[in-house]
């Protein structure tokens, strides 16, 4: 019986990760800019497929669509997997969606930095943590005009809120792992921040 339960749990995790990954790997930034006739967004600015880089095209509407798409796919990865596999699916599906955005197979595993998808996942897991994230992000972004600094600072708040108020060990471990990956994906930004050379919101590079 224990082996059966373990097997079902393991298969639930694997399928939830796969479902989340497939949803999360949809590159909304690349899709909307190509549909708008702007070419490959990876060839401008930071080369990223996220909303911040899409904003460098000067098309705020496209940046907003990218942001909504990346938020939505993070939440969708959680909700779809959760509807099939319950709480285990919710956690694994969220992690899968985040990994899909960072490492999409159809872009040769070169995806975005994951901030919007991170927020979407956290919002679907425990919305107060996402609300705190957004509040911290906004405060730091207004003060510094640096999207990367705002995201890195805010990403420390989400695990704290989940750990102190939600008390879900699996979710806490998952959000800590996602936060660590967020820092890894922002390593170049961190180097520029330390050197005082990080670009500010609205700049073209």
N, C-alpha and C. Protein backbone atom coordinates (compact mmCIF):
# COMPACT_ATOMS: atom_id res chain seq x y z
N UNK A 1 0.83 -1.21 0.00
CA UNK A 1 0.00 0.00 0.00
C UNK A 1 0.86 1.26 0.00
N UNK A 2 1.93 1.24 0.85
CA UNK A 2 2.82 2.40 0.90
C UNK A 2 3.48 2.62 -0.46
N UNK A 3 3.88 1.51 -1.12
CA UNK A 3 4.50 1.65 -2.42
C UNK A 3 3.54 2.22 -3.46
N UNK A 4 2.26 1.80 -3.36
CA UNK A 4 1.26 2.30 -4.30
C UNK A 4 1.05 3.80 -4.09
N UNK A 5 0.93 4.19 -2.82
CA UNK A 5 0.75 5.61 -2.52
C UNK A 5 1.94 6.41 -3.02
N UNK A 6 3.15 5.88 -2.78
CA UNK A 6 4.35 6.57 -3.25
C UNK A 6 4.36 6.68 -4.76
N UNK A 7 3.98 5.56 -5.45
CA UNK A 7 3.95 5.57 -6.89
C UNK A 7 2.97 6.58 -7.45
N UNK A 8 1.78 6.65 -6.86
CA UNK A 8 0.78 7.61 -7.32
C UNK A 8 1.27 9.03 -7.11
N UNK A 9 1.89 9.27 -5.94
CA UNK A 9 2.41 10.60 -5.65
C UNK A 9 3.51 10.98 -6.63
N UNK A 10 4.41 10.04 -6.91
CA UNK A 10 5.51 10.32 -7.83
C UNK A 10 4.98 10.60 -9.23
N UNK A 11 4.04 9.80 -9.69
CA UNK A 11 3.49 10.03 -11.02
C UNK A 11 2.74 11.36 -11.08
N UNK A 12 2.07 11.73 -9.98
CA UNK A 12 1.38 13.01 -9.93
C UNK A 12 2.35 14.16 -10.05
N UNK A 13 3.48 14.05 -9.36
CA UNK A 13 4.50 15.09 -9.43
C UNK A 13 5.06 15.21 -10.84
N UNK A 14 5.38 14.07 -11.44
CA UNK A 14 5.97 14.07 -12.79
C UNK A 14 5.01 14.67 -13.81
N UNK A 15 3.76 14.21 -13.79
CA UNK A 15 2.79 14.73 -14.74
C UNK A 15 2.48 16.21 -14.50
N UNK A 16 2.44 16.59 -13.23
CA UNK A 16 2.19 18.00 -12.91
C UNK A 16 3.33 18.88 -13.37
N UNK A 17 4.55 18.43 -13.17
CA UNK A 17 5.71 19.17 -13.67
C UNK A 17 5.65 19.33 -15.18
N UNK A 18 5.29 18.25 -15.87
CA UNK A 18 5.23 18.28 -17.33
C UNK A 18 4.12 19.22 -17.82
N UNK A 19 2.95 19.14 -17.19
CA UNK A 19 1.85 20.02 -17.56
C UNK A 19 2.25 21.48 -17.36
N UNK A 20 2.80 21.77 -16.18
CA UNK A 20 3.22 23.13 -15.89
C UNK A 20 4.29 23.61 -16.85
N UNK A 21 5.24 22.73 -17.15
CA UNK A 21 6.33 23.09 -18.05
C UNK A 21 5.81 23.46 -19.44
N UNK A 22 4.90 22.65 -19.96
CA UNK A 22 4.37 22.91 -21.30
C UNK A 22 3.60 24.24 -21.34
N UNK A 23 2.85 24.53 -20.29
CA UNK A 23 2.14 25.80 -20.23
C UNK A 23 3.13 26.95 -20.09
N UNK A 24 4.09 26.79 -19.19
CA UNK A 24 5.04 27.86 -18.91
C UNK A 24 6.01 28.16 -20.03
N UNK A 25 6.19 27.21 -20.95
CA UNK A 25 7.17 27.41 -22.01
C UNK A 25 6.63 28.25 -23.17
N UNK A 26 5.39 28.69 -23.09
CA UNK A 26 4.83 29.56 -24.14
C UNK A 26 5.48 30.94 -24.07
N UNK A 27 6.24 31.36 -25.10
CA UNK A 27 7.00 32.63 -25.04
C UNK A 27 6.15 33.82 -25.50
N UNK A 28 5.31 34.33 -24.62
CA UNK A 28 4.38 35.39 -25.00
C UNK A 28 5.09 36.62 -25.56
N UNK A 29 6.21 37.01 -24.97
CA UNK A 29 6.92 38.19 -25.45
C UNK A 29 7.36 38.05 -26.89
N UNK A 30 7.84 36.88 -27.24
CA UNK A 30 8.28 36.62 -28.61
C UNK A 30 7.10 36.58 -29.56
N UNK A 31 6.02 35.97 -29.11
CA UNK A 31 4.83 35.82 -29.96
C UNK A 31 4.20 37.17 -30.27
N UNK A 32 3.98 38.00 -29.24
CA UNK A 32 3.26 39.27 -29.47
C UNK A 32 4.09 40.24 -30.31
N UNK A 33 5.40 40.24 -30.12
CA UNK A 33 6.22 41.17 -30.91
C UNK A 33 6.31 40.72 -32.36
N UNK A 34 6.35 39.43 -32.60
CA UNK A 34 6.38 38.95 -33.98
C UNK A 34 5.04 39.20 -34.67
N UNK A 35 3.95 38.98 -33.96
CA UNK A 35 2.64 39.24 -34.54
C UNK A 35 2.45 40.73 -34.85
N UNK A 36 3.12 41.57 -34.08
CA UNK A 36 3.03 43.02 -34.30
C UNK A 36 4.00 43.49 -35.39
N UNK A 37 4.76 42.57 -35.96
CA UNK A 37 5.68 42.92 -37.03
C UNK A 37 6.99 43.54 -36.57
N UNK A 38 7.34 43.30 -35.31
CA UNK A 38 8.56 43.90 -34.75
C UNK A 38 9.75 42.95 -34.79
N UNK A 39 9.56 41.77 -35.33
CA UNK A 39 10.66 40.82 -35.42
C UNK A 39 10.92 40.10 -34.12
N UNK A 40 12.16 39.71 -33.91
CA UNK A 40 12.58 38.91 -32.76
C UNK A 40 13.01 39.81 -31.62
N UNK A 41 12.25 39.83 -30.53
CA UNK A 41 12.54 40.69 -29.39
C UNK A 41 13.88 40.33 -28.74
N UNK A 42 14.36 39.12 -29.00
CA UNK A 42 15.63 38.70 -28.42
C UNK A 42 16.82 39.42 -29.05
N UNK A 43 16.59 40.16 -30.14
CA UNK A 43 17.67 40.87 -30.82
C UNK A 43 17.78 42.33 -30.40
N UNK A 44 16.97 42.73 -29.41
CA UNK A 44 17.06 44.11 -28.92
C UNK A 44 17.31 44.11 -27.42
N UNK A 45 17.76 45.25 -26.92
CA UNK A 45 17.93 45.43 -25.47
C UNK A 45 18.72 44.33 -24.81
N UNK A 46 18.12 43.74 -23.79
CA UNK A 46 18.79 42.70 -23.02
C UNK A 46 18.73 41.34 -23.70
N UNK A 47 17.92 41.22 -24.76
CA UNK A 47 17.76 39.93 -25.42
C UNK A 47 16.77 39.02 -24.72
N UNK A 48 16.11 39.54 -23.69
CA UNK A 48 15.17 38.76 -22.91
C UNK A 48 13.80 38.75 -23.59
N UNK A 49 12.97 37.75 -23.27
CA UNK A 49 11.64 37.65 -23.88
C UNK A 49 10.54 38.18 -22.96
N UNK A 50 10.92 38.78 -21.84
CA UNK A 50 9.95 39.26 -20.88
C UNK A 50 9.43 40.66 -21.16
N UNK A 51 8.49 41.09 -20.32
CA UNK A 51 7.81 42.37 -20.53
C UNK A 51 8.75 43.57 -20.47
N UNK A 52 9.75 43.52 -19.60
CA UNK A 52 10.68 44.66 -19.48
C UNK A 52 11.40 44.91 -20.79
N UNK A 53 11.83 43.83 -21.44
CA UNK A 53 12.53 44.01 -22.71
C UNK A 53 11.56 44.35 -23.84
N UNK A 54 10.36 43.80 -23.80
CA UNK A 54 9.35 44.17 -24.80
C UNK A 54 9.05 45.66 -24.72
N UNK A 55 9.09 46.21 -23.51
CA UNK A 55 8.85 47.64 -23.32
C UNK A 55 9.87 48.48 -24.08
N UNK A 56 11.05 47.93 -24.31
CA UNK A 56 12.10 48.66 -25.03
C UNK A 56 11.76 48.84 -26.51
N UNK A 57 10.74 48.15 -26.99
CA UNK A 57 10.29 48.38 -28.36
C UNK A 57 9.50 49.69 -28.46
N UNK A 58 9.14 50.24 -27.31
CA UNK A 58 8.32 51.44 -27.29
C UNK A 58 6.83 51.16 -27.34
N UNK A 59 6.47 49.89 -27.33
CA UNK A 59 5.05 49.49 -27.42
C UNK A 59 4.58 49.03 -26.04
N UNK A 60 4.01 49.97 -25.29
CA UNK A 60 3.57 49.67 -23.93
C UNK A 60 2.46 48.62 -23.92
N UNK A 61 1.60 48.66 -24.93
CA UNK A 61 0.52 47.68 -25.00
C UNK A 61 1.04 46.26 -25.14
N UNK A 62 2.09 46.10 -25.96
CA UNK A 62 2.68 44.78 -26.13
C UNK A 62 3.36 44.31 -24.86
N UNK A 63 4.00 45.24 -24.16
CA UNK A 63 4.63 44.90 -22.89
C UNK A 63 3.58 44.45 -21.88
N UNK A 64 2.44 45.14 -21.87
CA UNK A 64 1.36 44.77 -20.96
C UNK A 64 0.80 43.38 -21.29
N UNK A 65 0.63 43.11 -22.58
CA UNK A 65 0.16 41.79 -23.00
C UNK A 65 1.14 40.69 -22.60
N UNK A 66 2.43 40.99 -22.75
CA UNK A 66 3.46 40.02 -22.35
C UNK A 66 3.40 39.76 -20.86
N UNK A 67 3.26 40.84 -20.10
CA UNK A 67 3.18 40.70 -18.64
C UNK A 67 1.98 39.84 -18.24
N UNK A 68 0.83 40.13 -18.83
CA UNK A 68 -0.38 39.36 -18.51
C UNK A 68 -0.23 37.90 -18.92
N UNK A 69 0.36 37.67 -20.09
CA UNK A 69 0.55 36.30 -20.54
C UNK A 69 1.48 35.52 -19.63
N UNK A 70 2.58 36.15 -19.23
CA UNK A 70 3.54 35.46 -18.37
C UNK A 70 3.00 35.25 -16.95
N UNK A 71 2.23 36.22 -16.46
CA UNK A 71 1.54 36.03 -15.18
C UNK A 71 0.55 34.88 -15.28
N UNK A 72 -0.25 34.94 -16.35
CA UNK A 72 -1.32 33.96 -16.52
C UNK A 72 -0.83 32.54 -16.65
N UNK A 73 0.28 32.35 -17.37
CA UNK A 73 0.75 30.98 -17.56
C UNK A 73 1.31 30.40 -16.26
N UNK A 74 1.85 31.25 -15.39
CA UNK A 74 2.28 30.77 -14.09
C UNK A 74 1.11 30.28 -13.26
N UNK A 75 0.05 31.10 -13.21
CA UNK A 75 -1.16 30.70 -12.48
C UNK A 75 -1.81 29.49 -13.12
N UNK A 76 -1.84 29.45 -14.46
CA UNK A 76 -2.48 28.34 -15.15
C UNK A 76 -1.78 27.01 -14.87
N UNK A 77 -0.45 27.05 -14.80
CA UNK A 77 0.28 25.83 -14.49
C UNK A 77 -0.12 25.26 -13.15
N UNK A 78 -0.33 26.14 -12.17
CA UNK A 78 -0.77 25.71 -10.84
C UNK A 78 -2.20 25.17 -10.89
N UNK A 79 -3.10 25.94 -11.49
CA UNK A 79 -4.53 25.62 -11.45
C UNK A 79 -4.87 24.36 -12.23
N UNK A 80 -4.26 24.21 -13.42
CA UNK A 80 -4.54 23.02 -14.23
C UNK A 80 -4.03 21.76 -13.53
N UNK A 81 -2.80 21.79 -13.06
CA UNK A 81 -2.24 20.61 -12.38
C UNK A 81 -2.97 20.33 -11.07
N UNK A 82 -3.37 21.39 -10.39
CA UNK A 82 -4.12 21.22 -9.14
C UNK A 82 -5.47 20.56 -9.38
N UNK A 83 -6.13 20.93 -10.47
CA UNK A 83 -7.44 20.35 -10.77
C UNK A 83 -7.34 18.85 -11.06
N UNK A 84 -6.17 18.41 -11.48
CA UNK A 84 -5.97 17.00 -11.81
C UNK A 84 -5.38 16.20 -10.66
N UNK A 85 -4.48 16.82 -9.90
CA UNK A 85 -3.72 16.06 -8.90
C UNK A 85 -3.74 16.67 -7.50
N UNK A 86 -4.55 17.70 -7.29
CA UNK A 86 -4.69 18.25 -5.95
C UNK A 86 -3.50 19.07 -5.51
N UNK A 87 -3.26 19.15 -4.19
CA UNK A 87 -2.19 19.99 -3.66
C UNK A 87 -0.79 19.65 -4.19
N UNK A 88 -0.55 18.35 -4.39
CA UNK A 88 0.74 17.95 -4.97
C UNK A 88 0.89 18.55 -6.36
N UNK A 89 -0.18 18.47 -7.14
CA UNK A 89 -0.17 19.04 -8.48
C UNK A 89 0.01 20.54 -8.48
N UNK A 90 -0.59 21.21 -7.50
CA UNK A 90 -0.47 22.66 -7.43
C UNK A 90 0.98 23.10 -7.27
N UNK A 91 1.69 22.46 -6.37
CA UNK A 91 3.10 22.83 -6.13
C UNK A 91 3.96 22.45 -7.33
N UNK A 92 3.84 21.21 -7.79
CA UNK A 92 4.68 20.75 -8.90
C UNK A 92 4.34 21.47 -10.20
N UNK A 93 3.05 21.74 -10.43
CA UNK A 93 2.65 22.45 -11.64
C UNK A 93 3.20 23.86 -11.67
N UNK A 94 3.24 24.51 -10.52
CA UNK A 94 3.82 25.86 -10.45
C UNK A 94 5.30 25.87 -10.74
N UNK A 95 6.01 24.93 -10.15
CA UNK A 95 7.45 24.82 -10.42
C UNK A 95 7.69 24.52 -11.89
N UNK A 96 6.86 23.63 -12.46
CA UNK A 96 7.00 23.30 -13.87
C UNK A 96 6.79 24.50 -14.77
N UNK A 97 5.77 25.32 -14.45
CA UNK A 97 5.51 26.52 -15.26
C UNK A 97 6.68 27.49 -15.19
N UNK A 98 7.25 27.64 -14.02
CA UNK A 98 8.40 28.54 -13.85
C UNK A 98 9.59 28.03 -14.65
N UNK A 99 9.86 26.73 -14.57
CA UNK A 99 10.96 26.15 -15.33
C UNK A 99 10.71 26.26 -16.83
N UNK A 100 9.45 26.11 -17.24
CA UNK A 100 9.12 26.23 -18.65
C UNK A 100 9.43 27.61 -19.19
N UNK A 101 9.16 28.64 -18.39
CA UNK A 101 9.47 30.00 -18.84
C UNK A 101 10.99 30.21 -18.91
N UNK A 102 11.70 29.71 -17.93
CA UNK A 102 13.16 29.90 -17.91
C UNK A 102 13.85 29.10 -19.00
N UNK A 103 13.37 27.88 -19.24
CA UNK A 103 14.07 26.96 -20.15
C UNK A 103 13.08 26.32 -21.13
N UNK A 104 12.46 27.10 -22.02
CA UNK A 104 11.51 26.53 -22.99
C UNK A 104 12.21 25.69 -24.05
N UNK A 105 11.71 24.50 -24.27
CA UNK A 105 12.42 23.58 -25.18
C UNK A 105 12.41 24.11 -26.61
N UNK A 106 11.37 24.84 -27.02
CA UNK A 106 11.33 25.29 -28.42
C UNK A 106 12.11 26.57 -28.65
N UNK A 107 12.72 27.11 -27.62
CA UNK A 107 13.68 28.21 -27.79
C UNK A 107 15.07 27.76 -27.38
N UNK A 108 15.31 26.47 -27.53
CA UNK A 108 16.60 25.86 -27.17
C UNK A 108 16.96 26.13 -25.71
N UNK A 109 15.94 26.10 -24.87
CA UNK A 109 16.07 26.25 -23.42
C UNK A 109 16.62 27.61 -23.00
N UNK A 110 16.42 28.61 -23.87
CA UNK A 110 16.86 29.98 -23.55
C UNK A 110 15.63 30.87 -23.41
N UNK A 111 15.12 30.94 -22.20
CA UNK A 111 13.89 31.68 -21.96
C UNK A 111 14.11 32.99 -21.23
N UNK A 112 13.10 33.40 -20.50
CA UNK A 112 13.15 34.67 -19.79
C UNK A 112 13.74 34.54 -18.39
N UNK A 113 13.65 35.61 -17.65
CA UNK A 113 14.21 35.63 -16.29
C UNK A 113 13.20 35.22 -15.23
N UNK A 114 11.92 35.21 -15.60
CA UNK A 114 10.94 34.52 -14.77
C UNK A 114 10.16 35.33 -13.76
N UNK A 115 10.33 36.65 -13.72
CA UNK A 115 9.70 37.42 -12.65
C UNK A 115 8.18 37.36 -12.72
N UNK A 116 7.60 37.65 -13.88
CA UNK A 116 6.14 37.65 -14.01
C UNK A 116 5.57 36.26 -13.77
N UNK A 117 6.20 35.25 -14.32
CA UNK A 117 5.72 33.88 -14.11
C UNK A 117 5.83 33.48 -12.65
N UNK A 118 6.88 33.90 -12.00
CA UNK A 118 7.06 33.68 -10.55
C UNK A 118 5.87 34.26 -9.80
N UNK A 119 5.50 35.50 -10.13
CA UNK A 119 4.37 36.15 -9.44
C UNK A 119 3.08 35.38 -9.70
N UNK A 120 2.87 34.96 -10.95
CA UNK A 120 1.66 34.21 -11.28
C UNK A 120 1.56 32.91 -10.50
N UNK A 121 2.67 32.21 -10.38
CA UNK A 121 2.70 30.96 -9.61
C UNK A 121 2.38 31.24 -8.14
N UNK A 122 3.07 32.20 -7.57
CA UNK A 122 2.88 32.52 -6.15
C UNK A 122 1.46 32.99 -5.88
N UNK A 123 0.89 33.77 -6.81
CA UNK A 123 -0.48 34.25 -6.64
C UNK A 123 -1.47 33.09 -6.58
N UNK A 124 -1.24 32.08 -7.42
CA UNK A 124 -2.13 30.92 -7.43
C UNK A 124 -1.91 30.03 -6.21
N UNK A 125 -0.72 30.05 -5.67
CA UNK A 125 -0.44 29.28 -4.46
C UNK A 125 -1.03 29.95 -3.22
N UNK A 126 -0.67 31.22 -3.02
CA UNK A 126 -1.04 31.93 -1.80
C UNK A 126 -1.01 33.42 -2.11
N UNK A 127 -2.16 33.97 -2.47
CA UNK A 127 -2.20 35.32 -3.03
C UNK A 127 -1.62 36.41 -2.12
N UNK A 128 -1.71 36.30 -0.77
CA UNK A 128 -1.09 37.37 0.03
C UNK A 128 0.41 37.51 -0.22
N UNK A 129 1.08 36.39 -0.51
CA UNK A 129 2.52 36.46 -0.78
C UNK A 129 2.79 37.21 -2.07
N UNK A 130 1.94 37.00 -3.07
CA UNK A 130 2.09 37.72 -4.34
C UNK A 130 1.79 39.20 -4.15
N UNK A 131 0.82 39.51 -3.30
CA UNK A 131 0.47 40.90 -3.03
C UNK A 131 1.63 41.63 -2.36
N UNK A 132 2.27 40.98 -1.40
CA UNK A 132 3.43 41.56 -0.74
C UNK A 132 4.57 41.74 -1.74
N UNK A 133 4.78 40.72 -2.59
CA UNK A 133 5.81 40.82 -3.63
C UNK A 133 5.59 42.08 -4.46
N UNK A 134 4.36 42.26 -4.93
CA UNK A 134 4.06 43.40 -5.81
C UNK A 134 4.26 44.73 -5.08
N UNK A 135 3.88 44.76 -3.79
CA UNK A 135 4.07 45.98 -3.02
C UNK A 135 5.54 46.34 -2.85
N UNK A 136 6.35 45.33 -2.54
CA UNK A 136 7.79 45.57 -2.39
C UNK A 136 8.40 45.95 -3.73
N UNK A 137 8.00 45.24 -4.79
CA UNK A 137 8.52 45.55 -6.13
C UNK A 137 8.23 47.00 -6.49
N UNK A 138 7.00 47.42 -6.28
CA UNK A 138 6.61 48.78 -6.64
C UNK A 138 7.40 49.82 -5.86
N UNK A 139 7.56 49.59 -4.57
CA UNK A 139 8.28 50.55 -3.73
C UNK A 139 9.73 50.68 -4.18
N UNK A 140 10.38 49.55 -4.43
CA UNK A 140 11.79 49.58 -4.83
C UNK A 140 11.93 50.13 -6.25
N UNK A 141 11.00 49.76 -7.13
CA UNK A 141 11.06 50.25 -8.51
C UNK A 141 10.89 51.76 -8.57
N UNK A 142 9.96 52.30 -7.79
CA UNK A 142 9.76 53.75 -7.77
C UNK A 142 10.99 54.46 -7.22
N UNK A 143 11.57 53.89 -6.19
CA UNK A 143 12.73 54.52 -5.54
C UNK A 143 13.99 54.43 -6.40
N UNK A 144 14.19 53.31 -7.10
CA UNK A 144 15.44 53.08 -7.81
C UNK A 144 15.31 53.16 -9.33
N UNK A 145 14.09 52.98 -9.83
CA UNK A 145 13.84 52.86 -11.27
C UNK A 145 14.63 51.70 -11.88
N UNK A 146 14.85 50.65 -11.09
CA UNK A 146 15.56 49.48 -11.57
C UNK A 146 14.67 48.25 -11.39
N UNK A 147 14.23 47.69 -12.50
CA UNK A 147 13.33 46.55 -12.46
C UNK A 147 14.01 45.34 -11.81
N UNK A 148 15.27 45.12 -12.12
CA UNK A 148 15.97 43.95 -11.59
C UNK A 148 16.13 44.04 -10.08
N UNK A 149 16.51 45.20 -9.58
CA UNK A 149 16.67 45.37 -8.13
C UNK A 149 15.33 45.18 -7.43
N UNK A 150 14.27 45.72 -8.02
CA UNK A 150 12.94 45.57 -7.44
C UNK A 150 12.54 44.10 -7.37
N UNK A 151 12.79 43.35 -8.45
CA UNK A 151 12.41 41.94 -8.49
C UNK A 151 13.22 41.11 -7.51
N UNK A 152 14.52 41.36 -7.45
CA UNK A 152 15.38 40.60 -6.55
C UNK A 152 15.01 40.85 -5.09
N UNK A 153 14.70 42.08 -4.77
CA UNK A 153 14.31 42.42 -3.40
C UNK A 153 12.95 41.81 -3.07
N UNK A 154 11.99 41.96 -3.97
CA UNK A 154 10.64 41.46 -3.73
C UNK A 154 10.60 39.94 -3.63
N UNK A 155 11.50 39.27 -4.36
CA UNK A 155 11.47 37.81 -4.35
C UNK A 155 11.88 37.23 -3.00
N UNK A 156 12.48 38.03 -2.16
CA UNK A 156 12.81 37.57 -0.81
C UNK A 156 11.59 37.65 0.11
N UNK A 157 10.63 38.47 -0.28
CA UNK A 157 9.44 38.65 0.56
C UNK A 157 8.48 37.47 0.44
N UNK A 158 8.33 36.92 -0.76
CA UNK A 158 7.36 35.84 -0.98
C UNK A 158 7.64 34.61 -0.11
N UNK A 159 8.88 34.09 -0.07
CA UNK A 159 9.13 32.94 0.81
C UNK A 159 8.89 33.28 2.29
N UNK A 160 9.20 34.51 2.67
CA UNK A 160 8.99 34.90 4.07
C UNK A 160 7.51 34.85 4.43
N UNK A 161 6.66 35.38 3.54
CA UNK A 161 5.22 35.38 3.81
C UNK A 161 4.67 33.95 3.84
N UNK A 162 5.07 33.14 2.88
CA UNK A 162 4.60 31.75 2.85
C UNK A 162 5.09 30.99 4.07
N UNK A 163 6.34 31.20 4.44
CA UNK A 163 6.89 30.50 5.59
C UNK A 163 6.24 30.88 6.91
N UNK A 164 5.98 32.16 7.10
CA UNK A 164 5.44 32.64 8.37
C UNK A 164 3.93 32.47 8.49
N UNK A 165 3.22 32.56 7.37
CA UNK A 165 1.76 32.61 7.46
C UNK A 165 1.03 31.43 6.83
N UNK A 166 1.63 30.78 5.84
CA UNK A 166 0.92 29.71 5.14
C UNK A 166 1.27 28.33 5.68
N UNK A 167 2.48 28.14 6.14
CA UNK A 167 2.91 26.91 6.80
C UNK A 167 2.77 25.66 5.93
N UNK A 168 3.07 25.80 4.66
CA UNK A 168 3.08 24.66 3.74
C UNK A 168 4.54 24.38 3.38
N UNK A 169 5.07 23.29 3.94
CA UNK A 169 6.50 23.02 3.81
C UNK A 169 6.90 22.79 2.35
N UNK A 170 6.10 22.00 1.62
CA UNK A 170 6.43 21.72 0.22
C UNK A 170 6.43 23.01 -0.60
N UNK A 171 5.44 23.85 -0.36
CA UNK A 171 5.35 25.12 -1.08
C UNK A 171 6.51 26.04 -0.73
N UNK A 172 6.89 26.05 0.54
CA UNK A 172 8.02 26.88 0.97
C UNK A 172 9.31 26.44 0.30
N UNK A 173 9.54 25.13 0.26
CA UNK A 173 10.74 24.61 -0.40
C UNK A 173 10.72 24.99 -1.88
N UNK A 174 9.54 24.86 -2.51
CA UNK A 174 9.42 25.17 -3.93
C UNK A 174 9.69 26.65 -4.20
N UNK A 175 9.13 27.54 -3.38
CA UNK A 175 9.31 28.97 -3.63
C UNK A 175 10.75 29.40 -3.32
N UNK A 176 11.39 28.75 -2.37
CA UNK A 176 12.80 29.04 -2.11
C UNK A 176 13.67 28.61 -3.30
N UNK A 177 13.35 27.46 -3.87
CA UNK A 177 14.10 26.99 -5.05
C UNK A 177 13.88 27.94 -6.23
N UNK A 178 12.64 28.38 -6.41
CA UNK A 178 12.35 29.32 -7.49
C UNK A 178 13.07 30.65 -7.28
N UNK A 179 13.12 31.10 -6.04
CA UNK A 179 13.81 32.35 -5.73
C UNK A 179 15.30 32.23 -6.04
N UNK A 180 15.88 31.09 -5.68
CA UNK A 180 17.30 30.86 -5.98
C UNK A 180 17.53 30.89 -7.49
N UNK A 181 16.64 30.27 -8.26
CA UNK A 181 16.77 30.28 -9.72
C UNK A 181 16.59 31.69 -10.28
N UNK A 182 15.71 32.46 -9.66
CA UNK A 182 15.51 33.84 -10.09
C UNK A 182 16.81 34.63 -9.95
N UNK A 183 17.53 34.39 -8.86
CA UNK A 183 18.82 35.06 -8.66
C UNK A 183 19.84 34.57 -9.67
N UNK A 184 19.83 33.29 -9.96
CA UNK A 184 20.76 32.75 -10.97
C UNK A 184 20.51 33.40 -12.33
N UNK A 185 19.24 33.53 -12.69
CA UNK A 185 18.90 34.13 -13.99
C UNK A 185 19.22 35.62 -14.04
N UNK A 186 19.33 36.24 -12.87
CA UNK A 186 19.65 37.67 -12.82
C UNK A 186 21.12 37.92 -12.48
N UNK A 187 21.97 36.92 -12.68
CA UNK A 187 23.37 37.08 -12.27
C UNK A 187 24.06 38.23 -12.99
N UNK A 188 23.74 38.43 -14.27
CA UNK A 188 24.35 39.55 -14.99
C UNK A 188 23.85 40.88 -14.45
N UNK A 189 22.56 40.92 -14.11
CA UNK A 189 22.01 42.13 -13.51
C UNK A 189 22.66 42.43 -12.17
N UNK A 190 22.90 41.37 -11.39
CA UNK A 190 23.53 41.54 -10.09
C UNK A 190 24.94 42.12 -10.26
N UNK A 191 25.66 41.61 -11.25
CA UNK A 191 27.01 42.13 -11.51
C UNK A 191 26.96 43.61 -11.88
N UNK A 192 25.98 43.97 -12.72
CA UNK A 192 25.86 45.38 -13.12
C UNK A 192 25.41 46.26 -11.95
N UNK A 193 24.54 45.72 -11.10
CA UNK A 193 24.11 46.48 -9.92
C UNK A 193 25.30 46.77 -9.01
N UNK A 194 26.13 45.77 -8.81
CA UNK A 194 27.30 45.96 -7.95
C UNK A 194 28.29 46.93 -8.55
N UNK A 195 28.32 46.98 -9.89
CA UNK A 195 29.24 47.89 -10.58
C UNK A 195 28.62 49.27 -10.83
N UNK A 196 27.34 49.43 -10.48
CA UNK A 196 26.66 50.71 -10.71
C UNK A 196 26.34 50.97 -12.15
N UNK A 197 26.17 49.92 -12.94
CA UNK A 197 25.92 50.09 -14.38
C UNK A 197 24.58 49.51 -14.83
N UNK A 198 23.71 49.18 -13.89
CA UNK A 198 22.43 48.58 -14.28
C UNK A 198 21.52 49.63 -14.93
N UNK A 199 20.84 49.21 -16.01
CA UNK A 199 19.93 50.12 -16.71
C UNK A 199 18.68 50.36 -15.87
N UNK A 200 18.02 51.47 -16.15
CA UNK A 200 16.83 51.85 -15.42
C UNK A 200 15.59 51.66 -16.28
N UNK A 201 14.46 51.56 -15.65
CA UNK A 201 13.20 51.36 -16.34
C UNK A 201 12.97 52.48 -17.35
N UNK A 202 12.67 52.09 -18.59
CA UNK A 202 12.42 53.08 -19.64
C UNK A 202 13.61 53.35 -20.52
N UNK A 203 14.81 52.90 -20.09
CA UNK A 203 15.99 53.07 -20.93
C UNK A 203 15.98 52.03 -22.04
N UNK A 204 16.69 52.30 -23.09
CA UNK A 204 16.68 51.44 -24.27
C UNK A 204 17.67 50.31 -24.23
N UNK A 205 18.49 50.27 -23.23
CA UNK A 205 19.47 49.16 -23.16
C UNK A 205 19.75 48.80 -21.72
